[in-house]
Amino acid sequence: MSYLYSLYDALVSINVPSDKVRAVVDAMERDMLTELASKSDLDNLRVAIKADIDNLRLSMQSDSRTLSNSVDAFQWDFRLQCDLLLASMTIRFGLMLIVGLSLLFAALKLTGP
């Protein structure tokens, strides 16, 4: 609060009327008490921000585990689908080969001697 007395003395020394000086000092004190943060305000803010960061960290770790589990499930399902597709394509190719060779031998038998 010594800065308020210094301000008071400075304004009085330049011949500002005493009632005006008091009004300026009171307005400045009121603004400083309502607008500026105190050390305890900053400490409370620091604690709140630390708690928020910790909660965010825990949430991100939980989300990371969930995402990892989802990716693992997707990979397993993708591998299963690829195996089924490979089996299906093998069977279809085998059937086409059998039908094609059957038609070729039938055509050779019909055109042969």
N, C-alpha and C. Protein backbone atom coordinates (compact mmCIF):
# COMPACT_ATOMS: atom_id res chain seq x y z
N MET A 1 0.81 -1.19 0.00
CA MET A 1 0.00 0.00 0.00
C MET A 1 0.86 1.26 0.00
N SER A 2 2.17 1.11 0.14
CA SER A 2 3.04 2.28 0.16
C SER A 2 3.01 3.01 -1.18
N TYR A 3 2.71 2.26 -2.24
CA TYR A 3 2.63 2.91 -3.56
C TYR A 3 1.45 3.87 -3.60
N LEU A 4 0.38 3.60 -2.85
CA LEU A 4 -0.76 4.52 -2.82
C LEU A 4 -0.38 5.82 -2.11
N TYR A 5 0.42 5.69 -1.03
CA TYR A 5 0.89 6.90 -0.35
C TYR A 5 1.84 7.68 -1.24
N SER A 6 2.66 6.97 -1.99
CA SER A 6 3.58 7.65 -2.92
C SER A 6 2.79 8.37 -4.00
N LEU A 7 1.73 7.73 -4.49
CA LEU A 7 0.88 8.38 -5.49
C LEU A 7 0.20 9.60 -4.89
N TYR A 8 -0.29 9.46 -3.66
CA TYR A 8 -0.93 10.59 -2.97
C TYR A 8 0.04 11.76 -2.85
N ASP A 9 1.25 11.47 -2.38
CA ASP A 9 2.26 12.52 -2.21
C ASP A 9 2.62 13.16 -3.55
N ALA A 10 2.74 12.37 -4.60
CA ALA A 10 3.10 12.90 -5.92
C ALA A 10 2.02 13.83 -6.45
N LEU A 11 0.76 13.44 -6.27
CA LEU A 11 -0.33 14.28 -6.77
C LEU A 11 -0.46 15.56 -5.95
N VAL A 12 -0.26 15.46 -4.65
CA VAL A 12 -0.33 16.66 -3.80
C VAL A 12 0.81 17.61 -4.15
N SER A 13 1.99 17.06 -4.46
CA SER A 13 3.15 17.91 -4.76
C SER A 13 2.98 18.69 -6.06
N ILE A 14 2.11 18.26 -6.94
CA ILE A 14 1.89 19.02 -8.18
C ILE A 14 0.59 19.84 -8.10
N ASN A 15 0.16 20.11 -6.85
CA ASN A 15 -0.96 20.99 -6.56
C ASN A 15 -2.31 20.49 -7.06
N VAL A 16 -2.53 19.17 -6.98
CA VAL A 16 -3.86 18.62 -7.28
C VAL A 16 -4.67 18.75 -5.99
N PRO A 17 -5.93 19.19 -6.07
CA PRO A 17 -6.74 19.35 -4.85
C PRO A 17 -6.84 18.03 -4.08
N SER A 18 -6.87 18.14 -2.76
CA SER A 18 -6.83 16.99 -1.89
C SER A 18 -7.99 16.03 -2.12
N ASP A 19 -9.22 16.57 -2.34
CA ASP A 19 -10.36 15.69 -2.58
C ASP A 19 -10.21 14.91 -3.88
N LYS A 20 -9.62 15.52 -4.90
CA LYS A 20 -9.38 14.84 -6.17
C LYS A 20 -8.31 13.75 -6.00
N VAL A 21 -7.29 14.05 -5.20
CA VAL A 21 -6.23 13.08 -4.96
C VAL A 21 -6.81 11.85 -4.26
N ARG A 22 -7.65 12.11 -3.22
CA ARG A 22 -8.27 10.99 -2.52
C ARG A 22 -9.14 10.16 -3.47
N ALA A 23 -9.86 10.81 -4.34
CA ALA A 23 -10.72 10.09 -5.29
C ALA A 23 -9.88 9.21 -6.21
N VAL A 24 -8.77 9.73 -6.69
CA VAL A 24 -7.89 8.96 -7.58
C VAL A 24 -7.31 7.76 -6.82
N VAL A 25 -6.82 7.99 -5.62
CA VAL A 25 -6.21 6.92 -4.84
C VAL A 25 -7.25 5.87 -4.47
N ASP A 26 -8.45 6.30 -4.09
CA ASP A 26 -9.52 5.34 -3.76
C ASP A 26 -9.92 4.52 -4.98
N ALA A 27 -10.05 5.18 -6.12
CA ALA A 27 -10.41 4.46 -7.36
C ALA A 27 -9.33 3.46 -7.73
N MET A 28 -8.08 3.86 -7.59
CA MET A 28 -6.99 2.95 -7.92
C MET A 28 -6.96 1.76 -6.97
N GLU A 29 -7.18 2.03 -5.67
CA GLU A 29 -7.19 0.94 -4.69
C GLU A 29 -8.35 -0.02 -4.96
N ARG A 30 -9.52 0.53 -5.25
CA ARG A 30 -10.69 -0.30 -5.53
C ARG A 30 -10.45 -1.16 -6.77
N ASP A 31 -9.90 -0.58 -7.82
CA ASP A 31 -9.60 -1.34 -9.04
C ASP A 31 -8.55 -2.41 -8.79
N MET A 32 -7.56 -2.09 -7.98
CA MET A 32 -6.52 -3.07 -7.71
C MET A 32 -7.07 -4.24 -6.91
N LEU A 33 -8.01 -3.99 -6.02
CA LEU A 33 -8.57 -5.08 -5.22
C LEU A 33 -9.54 -5.95 -6.03
N THR A 34 -10.21 -5.35 -7.00
CA THR A 34 -11.20 -6.12 -7.76
C THR A 34 -10.67 -6.66 -9.08
N GLU A 35 -9.73 -5.99 -9.69
CA GLU A 35 -9.28 -6.36 -11.03
C GLU A 35 -7.99 -7.18 -11.05
N LEU A 36 -7.10 -6.92 -10.14
CA LEU A 36 -5.80 -7.59 -10.16
C LEU A 36 -5.84 -8.86 -9.30
N ALA A 37 -5.06 -9.84 -9.72
CA ALA A 37 -5.00 -11.11 -8.99
C ALA A 37 -3.99 -11.01 -7.87
N SER A 38 -4.34 -11.62 -6.76
CA SER A 38 -3.41 -11.66 -5.63
C SER A 38 -2.58 -12.94 -5.72
N LYS A 39 -1.61 -13.08 -4.84
CA LYS A 39 -0.79 -14.29 -4.84
C LYS A 39 -1.63 -15.52 -4.55
N SER A 40 -2.58 -15.39 -3.63
CA SER A 40 -3.44 -16.54 -3.33
C SER A 40 -4.33 -16.89 -4.53
N ASP A 41 -4.78 -15.87 -5.27
CA ASP A 41 -5.56 -16.14 -6.48
C ASP A 41 -4.72 -16.92 -7.49
N LEU A 42 -3.47 -16.51 -7.65
CA LEU A 42 -2.59 -17.20 -8.59
C LEU A 42 -2.25 -18.61 -8.11
N ASP A 43 -2.08 -18.79 -6.80
CA ASP A 43 -1.83 -20.13 -6.27
C ASP A 43 -3.03 -21.04 -6.48
N ASN A 44 -4.23 -20.50 -6.23
CA ASN A 44 -5.45 -21.28 -6.47
C ASN A 44 -5.58 -21.64 -7.94
N LEU A 45 -5.26 -20.70 -8.81
CA LEU A 45 -5.32 -20.96 -10.25
C LEU A 45 -4.30 -22.03 -10.64
N ARG A 46 -3.11 -21.96 -10.07
CA ARG A 46 -2.07 -22.94 -10.36
C ARG A 46 -2.52 -24.35 -9.95
N VAL A 47 -3.13 -24.45 -8.77
CA VAL A 47 -3.61 -25.76 -8.29
C VAL A 47 -4.73 -26.26 -9.20
N ALA A 48 -5.65 -25.39 -9.59
CA ALA A 48 -6.76 -25.79 -10.46
C ALA A 48 -6.26 -26.24 -11.83
N ILE A 49 -5.30 -25.52 -12.38
CA ILE A 49 -4.76 -25.88 -13.69
C ILE A 49 -4.02 -27.22 -13.61
N LYS A 50 -3.26 -27.42 -12.53
CA LYS A 50 -2.55 -28.69 -12.36
C LYS A 50 -3.55 -29.84 -12.28
N ALA A 51 -4.64 -29.65 -11.56
CA ALA A 51 -5.66 -30.70 -11.45
C ALA A 51 -6.30 -30.97 -12.81
N ASP A 52 -6.57 -29.91 -13.56
CA ASP A 52 -7.15 -30.08 -14.89
C ASP A 52 -6.20 -30.83 -15.83
N ILE A 53 -4.92 -30.51 -15.75
CA ILE A 53 -3.93 -31.19 -16.59
C ILE A 53 -3.83 -32.66 -16.21
N ASP A 54 -3.85 -32.94 -14.90
CA ASP A 54 -3.80 -34.34 -14.46
C ASP A 54 -5.03 -35.11 -14.94
N ASN A 55 -6.20 -34.49 -14.83
CA ASN A 55 -7.42 -35.13 -15.32
C ASN A 55 -7.36 -35.36 -16.82
N LEU A 56 -6.85 -34.39 -17.55
CA LEU A 56 -6.71 -34.52 -19.00
C LEU A 56 -5.74 -35.64 -19.34
N ARG A 57 -4.64 -35.74 -18.60
CA ARG A 57 -3.66 -36.80 -18.83
C ARG A 57 -4.29 -38.17 -18.61
N LEU A 58 -5.04 -38.32 -17.52
CA LEU A 58 -5.71 -39.59 -17.25
C LEU A 58 -6.74 -39.92 -18.33
N SER A 59 -7.46 -38.92 -18.76
CA SER A 59 -8.46 -39.14 -19.81
C SER A 59 -7.79 -39.55 -21.12
N MET A 60 -6.67 -38.92 -21.44
CA MET A 60 -5.96 -39.26 -22.67
C MET A 60 -5.39 -40.68 -22.60
N GLN A 61 -4.91 -41.09 -21.42
CA GLN A 61 -4.40 -42.44 -21.28
C GLN A 61 -5.52 -43.46 -21.45
N SER A 62 -6.67 -43.15 -20.89
CA SER A 62 -7.83 -44.04 -21.03
C SER A 62 -8.26 -44.12 -22.49
N ASP A 63 -8.31 -42.96 -23.15
CA ASP A 63 -8.69 -42.93 -24.57
C ASP A 63 -7.67 -43.68 -25.41
N SER A 64 -6.39 -43.56 -25.04
CA SER A 64 -5.34 -44.25 -25.78
C SER A 64 -5.50 -45.76 -25.66
N ARG A 65 -5.81 -46.25 -24.45
CA ARG A 65 -6.02 -47.68 -24.27
C ARG A 65 -7.24 -48.15 -25.07
N THR A 66 -8.31 -47.37 -25.05
CA THR A 66 -9.52 -47.72 -25.80
C THR A 66 -9.22 -47.77 -27.29
N LEU A 67 -8.49 -46.78 -27.77
CA LEU A 67 -8.14 -46.75 -29.19
C LEU A 67 -7.24 -47.92 -29.56
N SER A 68 -6.30 -48.25 -28.69
CA SER A 68 -5.41 -49.39 -28.95
C SER A 68 -6.20 -50.68 -29.02
N ASN A 69 -7.15 -50.85 -28.11
CA ASN A 69 -7.99 -52.05 -28.14
C ASN A 69 -8.84 -52.10 -29.41
N SER A 70 -9.35 -50.96 -29.84
CA SER A 70 -10.15 -50.90 -31.06
C SER A 70 -9.31 -51.25 -32.29
N VAL A 71 -8.09 -50.74 -32.33
CA VAL A 71 -7.20 -51.04 -33.45
C VAL A 71 -6.85 -52.52 -33.48
N ASP A 72 -6.58 -53.09 -32.31
CA ASP A 72 -6.28 -54.52 -32.24
C ASP A 72 -7.46 -55.36 -32.74
N ALA A 73 -8.66 -54.98 -32.33
CA ALA A 73 -9.86 -55.71 -32.77
C ALA A 73 -10.05 -55.56 -34.28
N PHE A 74 -9.79 -54.35 -34.80
CA PHE A 74 -9.92 -54.13 -36.24
C PHE A 74 -8.90 -54.96 -37.01
N GLN A 75 -7.66 -55.02 -36.51
CA GLN A 75 -6.63 -55.80 -37.19
C GLN A 75 -6.99 -57.28 -37.21
N TRP A 76 -7.51 -57.79 -36.10
CA TRP A 76 -7.91 -59.19 -36.05
C TRP A 76 -9.04 -59.45 -37.04
N ASP A 77 -10.03 -58.56 -37.07
CA ASP A 77 -11.15 -58.72 -38.00
C ASP A 77 -10.67 -58.59 -39.45
N PHE A 78 -9.76 -57.68 -39.71
CA PHE A 78 -9.23 -57.49 -41.07
C PHE A 78 -8.49 -58.75 -41.53
N ARG A 79 -7.68 -59.31 -40.64
CA ARG A 79 -6.95 -60.54 -40.99
C ARG A 79 -7.92 -61.68 -41.28
N LEU A 80 -8.97 -61.79 -40.48
CA LEU A 80 -9.97 -62.83 -40.68
C LEU A 80 -10.66 -62.65 -42.03
N GLN A 81 -11.02 -61.42 -42.36
CA GLN A 81 -11.67 -61.14 -43.64
C GLN A 81 -10.73 -61.45 -44.80
N CYS A 82 -9.46 -61.12 -44.66
CA CYS A 82 -8.48 -61.42 -45.72
C CYS A 82 -8.33 -62.93 -45.91
N ASP A 83 -8.29 -63.67 -44.81
CA ASP A 83 -8.20 -65.13 -44.91
C ASP A 83 -9.42 -65.72 -45.60
N LEU A 84 -10.61 -65.22 -45.24
CA LEU A 84 -11.84 -65.70 -45.89
C LEU A 84 -11.85 -65.36 -47.37
N LEU A 85 -11.40 -64.15 -47.73
CA LEU A 85 -11.35 -63.75 -49.13
C LEU A 85 -10.36 -64.61 -49.90
N LEU A 86 -9.21 -64.91 -49.31
CA LEU A 86 -8.21 -65.75 -49.95
C LEU A 86 -8.77 -67.15 -50.20
N ALA A 87 -9.46 -67.71 -49.22
CA ALA A 87 -10.06 -69.04 -49.39
C ALA A 87 -11.13 -69.01 -50.48
N SER A 88 -11.96 -68.00 -50.48
CA SER A 88 -13.02 -67.89 -51.48
C SER A 88 -12.43 -67.74 -52.89
N MET A 89 -11.39 -66.92 -53.03
CA MET A 89 -10.77 -66.73 -54.34
C MET A 89 -10.09 -68.02 -54.82
N THR A 90 -9.48 -68.78 -53.90
CA THR A 90 -8.84 -70.04 -54.25
C THR A 90 -9.88 -71.04 -54.77
N ILE A 91 -10.99 -71.13 -54.08
CA ILE A 91 -12.05 -72.04 -54.51
C ILE A 91 -12.60 -71.62 -55.87
N ARG A 92 -12.85 -70.34 -56.07
CA ARG A 92 -13.38 -69.87 -57.36
C ARG A 92 -12.39 -70.13 -58.50
N PHE A 93 -11.09 -69.86 -58.22
CA PHE A 93 -10.10 -70.09 -59.26
C PHE A 93 -10.02 -71.58 -59.60
N GLY A 94 -10.08 -72.43 -58.59
CA GLY A 94 -10.06 -73.87 -58.82
C GLY A 94 -11.26 -74.32 -59.64
N LEU A 95 -12.44 -73.79 -59.32
CA LEU A 95 -13.64 -74.14 -60.09
C LEU A 95 -13.53 -73.68 -61.55
N MET A 96 -13.01 -72.45 -61.74
CA MET A 96 -12.86 -71.96 -63.12
C MET A 96 -11.87 -72.82 -63.89
N LEU A 97 -10.81 -73.25 -63.23
CA LEU A 97 -9.81 -74.10 -63.87
C LEU A 97 -10.42 -75.45 -64.25
N ILE A 98 -11.19 -76.03 -63.35
CA ILE A 98 -11.83 -77.32 -63.63
C ILE A 98 -12.83 -77.20 -64.78
N VAL A 99 -13.67 -76.15 -64.75
CA VAL A 99 -14.66 -75.95 -65.82
C VAL A 99 -13.95 -75.69 -67.14
N GLY A 100 -12.91 -74.86 -67.12
CA GLY A 100 -12.19 -74.55 -68.36
C GLY A 100 -11.52 -75.78 -68.95
N LEU A 101 -10.86 -76.57 -68.11
CA LEU A 101 -10.21 -77.78 -68.60
C LEU A 101 -11.24 -78.80 -69.08
N SER A 102 -12.38 -78.89 -68.38
CA SER A 102 -13.44 -79.81 -68.81
C SER A 102 -13.96 -79.42 -70.19
N LEU A 103 -14.17 -78.13 -70.39
CA LEU A 103 -14.63 -77.67 -71.71
C LEU A 103 -13.58 -77.92 -72.78
N LEU A 104 -12.31 -77.73 -72.44
CA LEU A 104 -11.24 -77.96 -73.41
C LEU A 104 -11.18 -79.44 -73.79
N PHE A 105 -11.24 -80.32 -72.81
CA PHE A 105 -11.19 -81.76 -73.14
C PHE A 105 -12.44 -82.21 -73.88
N ALA A 106 -13.59 -81.62 -73.55
CA ALA A 106 -14.83 -81.96 -74.27
C ALA A 106 -14.73 -81.50 -75.72
N ALA A 107 -14.19 -80.33 -75.94
CA ALA A 107 -14.05 -79.82 -77.29
C ALA A 107 -13.03 -80.67 -78.07
N LEU A 108 -11.95 -81.09 -77.43
CA LEU A 108 -10.96 -81.93 -78.09
C LEU A 108 -11.57 -83.31 -78.43
N LYS A 109 -12.40 -83.82 -77.55
CA LYS A 109 -13.00 -85.13 -77.80
C LYS A 109 -14.00 -85.06 -78.95
N LEU A 110 -14.74 -83.96 -79.03
CA LEU A 110 -15.73 -83.81 -80.10
C LEU A 110 -15.05 -83.57 -81.47
N THR A 111 -13.94 -82.89 -81.47
CA THR A 111 -13.26 -82.60 -82.73
C THR A 111 -12.22 -83.63 -83.08
N GLY A 112 -11.92 -84.53 -82.19
CA GLY A 112 -10.88 -85.51 -82.42
C GLY A 112 -11.33 -86.67 -83.30
N PRO A 113 -10.38 -87.53 -83.73
CA PRO A 113 -10.68 -88.65 -84.64
C PRO A 113 -11.51 -89.72 -84.09
